[in-house]
């Protein structure tokens, strides 16, 4: 029988809010069994870039990453955010291990090609996850905390969507563990009306997603989140939930099926 593994991905808006982050990490620490955290930090990166005079460009919820922005996201994601989260979890008695994709070669990617006239720059699409290495960390009692940076095995760091990384890690570990994947952010779930927190859509299938995308109900940064959630389900991940950062107990939110 497979051991349980809970993977929580926390978004940048929560990372930026100390109160929300503190509560999430407290709840995360209380999760029984093996666990792993993937974090974003996009809002902090945007603010840091602004301070440094570097302009931010987004397309379809994804960040265009030129050489200057790559330096920013490497500093913010792999340094400031990652080590802050690790330190907070250590304070909760959790033996957290801060990583990015280059560490122990856990997540390799390829530079995204120019498509439809859009050059994303130094952005990586995940090509492989070292599932055995990650499983060894987890089984030894460590709790990996993964920043949204990968490597191409040629000495280059690539900015990589954190939702994608969480989904790919979940898929890679599904043959080894009974995986629950939780996307935790500032809303109570996927909303039918963006301005109404009471309009949570309880379940979303592939067919539902295509309909919601076509009519504009789901757009922007939610698109890659649900695309990755659906891919995880289709690859055998046991349960996938999109919910508020204060509700990672799994009792509410949007179930992806």
Protein backbone atom coordinates (compact mmCIF):
# COMPACT_ATOMS: atom_id res chain seq x y z
CA UNK A 1 0.00 0.00 0.00
CA UNK A 2 1.37 3.41 -1.01
CA UNK A 3 2.16 5.95 1.68
CA UNK A 4 0.28 9.24 1.57
CA UNK A 5 1.96 12.36 0.24
CA UNK A 6 0.36 15.79 0.31
CA UNK A 7 1.76 18.38 -2.10
CA UNK A 8 0.71 21.97 -1.46
CA UNK A 9 1.39 24.74 -3.94
CA UNK A 10 1.05 28.23 -2.47
CA UNK A 11 0.67 31.28 -4.67
CA UNK A 12 2.51 34.57 -4.63
CA UNK A 13 -0.32 36.63 -3.14
CA UNK A 14 -0.28 34.42 -0.05
CA UNK A 15 3.51 34.46 0.14
CA UNK A 16 3.36 38.26 0.17
CA UNK A 17 0.87 38.41 3.07
CA UNK A 18 2.69 37.48 6.28
CA UNK A 19 -0.49 36.69 8.22
CA UNK A 20 -1.87 34.40 5.51
CA UNK A 21 1.49 32.74 5.01
CA UNK A 22 1.97 32.14 8.73
CA UNK A 23 -1.45 30.47 8.98
CA UNK A 24 -0.87 28.36 5.89
CA UNK A 25 2.50 27.14 7.16
CA UNK A 26 0.97 26.32 10.53
CA UNK A 27 -1.76 24.28 8.81
CA UNK A 28 0.79 22.71 6.47
CA UNK A 29 2.93 21.66 9.44
CA UNK A 30 -0.12 19.95 10.95
CA UNK A 31 -0.73 17.76 7.88
CA UNK A 32 -0.13 14.13 8.78
CA UNK A 33 2.21 11.98 6.77
CA UNK A 34 4.68 12.96 4.11
CA UNK A 35 4.40 16.42 2.59
CA UNK A 36 6.04 18.75 0.11
CA UNK A 37 5.57 22.46 -0.60
CA UNK A 38 5.92 24.30 -3.91
CA UNK A 39 5.76 28.09 -3.71
CA UNK A 40 5.37 31.02 -6.04
CA UNK A 41 6.39 34.58 -5.37
CA UNK A 42 5.44 36.47 -8.49
CA UNK A 43 4.14 39.55 -6.72
CA UNK A 44 7.33 39.92 -4.71
CA UNK A 45 9.30 39.51 -7.93
CA UNK A 46 7.21 42.19 -9.62
CA UNK A 47 7.80 44.60 -6.74
CA UNK A 48 11.53 43.89 -6.67
CA UNK A 49 11.74 44.37 -10.43
CA UNK A 50 9.98 47.71 -10.10
CA UNK A 51 12.47 48.81 -7.45
CA UNK A 52 15.30 47.86 -9.82
CA UNK A 53 13.72 49.59 -12.80
CA UNK A 54 12.92 46.37 -14.66
CA UNK A 55 9.57 46.29 -16.44
CA UNK A 56 7.25 43.30 -15.99
CA UNK A 57 5.40 41.74 -18.94
CA UNK A 58 2.81 38.96 -18.60
CA UNK A 59 1.14 36.87 -21.33
CA UNK A 60 -1.66 34.45 -20.45
CA UNK A 61 -0.76 34.56 -16.77
CA UNK A 62 2.90 33.74 -17.50
CA UNK A 63 5.89 36.04 -16.96
CA UNK A 64 8.13 37.10 -19.82
CA UNK A 65 11.66 36.58 -18.46
CA UNK A 66 14.53 38.48 -20.05
CA UNK A 67 18.06 38.43 -18.60
CA UNK A 68 17.30 41.15 -16.04
CA UNK A 69 14.07 39.52 -14.90
CA UNK A 70 15.81 36.15 -14.61
CA UNK A 71 18.20 37.68 -12.08
CA UNK A 72 15.24 39.09 -10.15
CA UNK A 73 13.26 35.86 -9.99
CA UNK A 74 16.34 33.86 -9.06
CA UNK A 75 17.03 36.20 -6.15
CA UNK A 76 13.41 36.43 -5.02
CA UNK A 77 12.20 32.87 -5.56
CA UNK A 78 15.34 30.91 -4.75
CA UNK A 79 16.56 33.23 -2.01
CA UNK A 80 14.19 35.60 -0.25
CA UNK A 81 10.97 33.60 -0.47
CA UNK A 82 12.36 30.08 -0.31
CA UNK A 83 14.57 30.60 2.71
CA UNK A 84 11.90 32.60 4.54
CA UNK A 85 9.45 29.71 4.12
CA UNK A 86 12.09 27.19 5.19
CA UNK A 87 12.93 29.18 8.32
CA UNK A 88 9.24 29.53 9.24
CA UNK A 89 8.69 25.79 8.86
CA UNK A 90 11.76 25.02 10.94
CA UNK A 91 10.18 27.17 13.65
CA UNK A 92 7.13 24.88 13.41
CA UNK A 93 9.32 21.83 14.01
CA UNK A 94 9.29 20.79 10.35
CA UNK A 95 12.63 19.71 8.92
CA UNK A 96 12.24 21.70 5.71
CA UNK A 97 14.76 21.54 2.87
CA UNK A 98 14.81 24.50 0.48
CA UNK A 99 15.37 23.55 -3.15
CA UNK A 100 15.04 24.76 -6.69
CA UNK A 101 15.01 22.51 -9.72
CA UNK A 102 18.80 22.65 -10.09
CA UNK A 103 19.43 21.31 -6.59
CA UNK A 104 20.18 17.58 -6.80
CA UNK A 105 18.94 17.89 -10.39
CA UNK A 106 15.37 17.40 -9.21
CA UNK A 107 13.59 19.25 -12.04
CA UNK A 108 15.02 19.69 -15.52
CA UNK A 109 13.44 21.83 -18.20
CA UNK A 110 13.92 23.06 -21.74
CA UNK A 111 13.79 26.69 -22.78
CA UNK A 112 10.36 27.48 -24.18
CA UNK A 113 10.53 28.08 -27.95
CA UNK A 114 9.09 31.17 -29.58
CA UNK A 115 5.47 30.41 -30.47
CA UNK A 116 2.83 32.54 -32.17
CA UNK A 117 5.28 35.44 -32.12
CA UNK A 118 5.71 35.29 -28.32
CA UNK A 119 9.22 34.96 -26.93
CA UNK A 120 8.99 34.14 -23.23
CA UNK A 121 12.74 34.49 -22.79
CA UNK A 122 14.37 32.43 -20.05
CA UNK A 123 11.28 30.39 -19.26
CA UNK A 124 11.48 26.64 -18.86
CA UNK A 125 9.01 23.90 -19.69
CA UNK A 126 9.53 20.89 -17.44
CA UNK A 127 11.06 17.92 -19.23
CA UNK A 128 11.81 15.58 -16.32
CA UNK A 129 11.48 15.21 -12.56
CA UNK A 130 13.93 13.11 -10.53
CA UNK A 131 11.17 11.27 -8.69
CA UNK A 132 13.48 8.78 -6.99
CA UNK A 133 15.64 11.56 -5.54
CA UNK A 134 12.63 13.49 -4.27
CA UNK A 135 11.11 10.31 -2.83
CA UNK A 136 14.32 9.62 -0.91
CA UNK A 137 14.23 13.10 0.59
CA UNK A 138 10.59 12.65 1.62
CA UNK A 139 11.03 9.13 2.99
CA UNK A 140 14.04 10.26 5.06
CA UNK A 141 11.77 12.71 6.93
CA UNK A 142 12.73 15.86 5.06
CA UNK A 143 10.05 18.23 3.75
CA UNK A 144 11.12 19.69 0.39
CA UNK A 145 10.24 23.34 -0.21
CA UNK A 146 10.62 23.94 -3.93
CA UNK A 147 11.11 27.33 -5.59
CA UNK A 148 9.80 27.84 -9.17
CA UNK A 149 13.18 27.65 -10.88
CA UNK A 150 14.47 24.76 -12.98
CA UNK A 151 17.65 24.00 -14.91
CA UNK A 152 18.46 22.79 -18.42
CA UNK A 153 21.53 20.67 -17.55
CA UNK A 154 23.62 23.17 -19.54
CA UNK A 155 24.29 25.52 -16.62
CA UNK A 156 21.22 27.70 -17.11
CA UNK A 157 18.48 28.51 -14.61
CA UNK A 158 15.02 28.91 -16.13
CA UNK A 159 11.96 30.58 -14.64
CA UNK A 160 9.18 28.01 -14.49
CA UNK A 161 5.51 28.34 -13.62
CA UNK A 162 4.99 27.14 -10.03
CA UNK A 163 1.63 25.54 -10.82
CA UNK A 164 3.31 23.56 -13.60
CA UNK A 165 6.09 22.47 -11.26
CA UNK A 166 3.63 21.33 -8.61
CA UNK A 167 1.65 19.39 -11.18
CA UNK A 168 4.74 17.75 -12.71
CA UNK A 169 6.11 16.80 -9.29
CA UNK A 170 2.74 15.31 -8.33
CA UNK A 171 2.59 13.31 -11.57
CA UNK A 172 6.14 12.03 -11.14
CA UNK A 173 5.55 10.94 -7.54
CA UNK A 174 2.10 9.39 -8.14
CA UNK A 175 3.54 5.94 -8.94
CA UNK A 176 5.41 5.97 -5.61
CA UNK A 177 2.92 7.66 -3.25
CA UNK A 178 -0.81 8.17 -2.89
CA UNK A 179 -0.66 11.85 -3.85
CA UNK A 180 -3.04 14.65 -2.94
CA UNK A 181 -2.26 17.91 -4.74
CA UNK A 182 -3.60 21.18 -3.31
CA UNK A 183 -3.32 24.52 -5.08
CA UNK A 184 -3.69 27.09 -2.29
CA UNK A 185 -4.23 30.76 -3.08
CA UNK A 186 -6.13 33.86 -1.94
CA UNK A 187 -9.60 32.79 -3.16
CA UNK A 188 -11.88 30.04 -1.80
CA UNK A 189 -11.74 28.10 -5.06
CA UNK A 190 -12.38 28.61 -8.75
CA UNK A 191 -15.07 31.28 -8.99
CA UNK A 192 -17.91 31.52 -11.49
CA UNK A 193 -17.88 35.28 -10.86
CA UNK A 194 -14.47 36.78 -10.12
CA UNK A 195 -15.93 39.38 -7.74
CA UNK A 196 -18.08 36.96 -5.75
CA UNK A 197 -16.24 34.70 -3.30
CA UNK A 198 -19.47 32.78 -2.76
CA UNK A 199 -19.57 31.62 -6.39
CA UNK A 200 -17.16 28.70 -5.95
CA UNK A 201 -17.49 26.07 -8.66
CA UNK A 202 -17.48 22.78 -6.66
CA UNK A 203 -16.08 20.49 -9.37
CA UNK A 204 -14.45 21.01 -12.76
CA UNK A 205 -13.90 18.33 -15.39
CA UNK A 206 -11.97 18.65 -18.65
CA UNK A 207 -15.23 19.38 -20.51
CA UNK A 208 -16.24 22.00 -17.93
CA UNK A 209 -12.86 23.69 -18.27
CA UNK A 210 -13.06 23.96 -22.04
CA UNK A 211 -16.52 25.51 -21.72
CA UNK A 212 -15.48 27.97 -19.01
CA UNK A 213 -12.39 28.98 -20.96
CA UNK A 214 -14.40 29.55 -24.13
CA UNK A 215 -16.98 31.77 -22.43
CA UNK A 216 -14.40 33.70 -20.38
CA UNK A 217 -15.46 32.45 -16.95
CA UNK A 218 -11.91 31.21 -16.44
CA UNK A 219 -9.04 33.36 -17.73
CA UNK A 220 -5.60 34.78 -16.91
CA UNK A 221 -3.48 33.06 -14.29
CA UNK A 222 -6.23 30.56 -13.48
CA UNK A 223 -5.80 28.95 -16.91
CA UNK A 224 -2.37 27.34 -16.27
CA UNK A 225 -3.46 26.39 -12.74
CA UNK A 226 -6.43 24.35 -13.99
CA UNK A 227 -4.54 23.00 -17.00
CA UNK A 228 -1.92 21.60 -14.65
CA UNK A 229 -4.54 20.32 -12.22
CA UNK A 230 -6.37 18.45 -14.98
CA UNK A 231 -3.11 16.99 -16.32
CA UNK A 232 -2.29 15.74 -12.82
CA UNK A 233 -5.65 13.99 -12.50
CA UNK A 234 -5.30 12.45 -15.93
CA UNK A 235 -1.82 11.18 -14.97
CA UNK A 236 -3.09 9.34 -11.89
CA UNK A 237 -2.77 11.83 -9.05
CA UNK A 238 -5.30 10.72 -6.45
CA UNK A 239 -6.97 14.02 -5.59
CA UNK A 240 -6.53 17.59 -6.81
CA UNK A 241 -8.06 20.58 -5.04
CA UNK A 242 -7.96 24.33 -5.66
CA UNK A 243 -8.80 26.21 -2.48
CA UNK A 244 -8.07 29.10 -0.15
CA UNK A 245 -4.77 29.11 1.68
CA UNK A 246 -6.63 28.90 5.00
CA UNK A 247 -8.53 25.78 3.90
CA UNK A 248 -5.87 23.22 3.04
CA UNK A 249 -7.64 20.69 5.24
CA UNK A 250 -9.44 19.72 2.03
CA UNK A 251 -12.97 20.35 3.22
CA UNK A 252 -13.79 23.13 0.77
CA UNK A 253 -12.76 24.50 -2.59
CA UNK A 254 -12.93 23.25 -6.17
CA UNK A 255 -12.22 19.58 -6.83
CA UNK A 256 -10.65 18.88 -10.23
CA UNK A 257 -11.88 15.61 -11.70
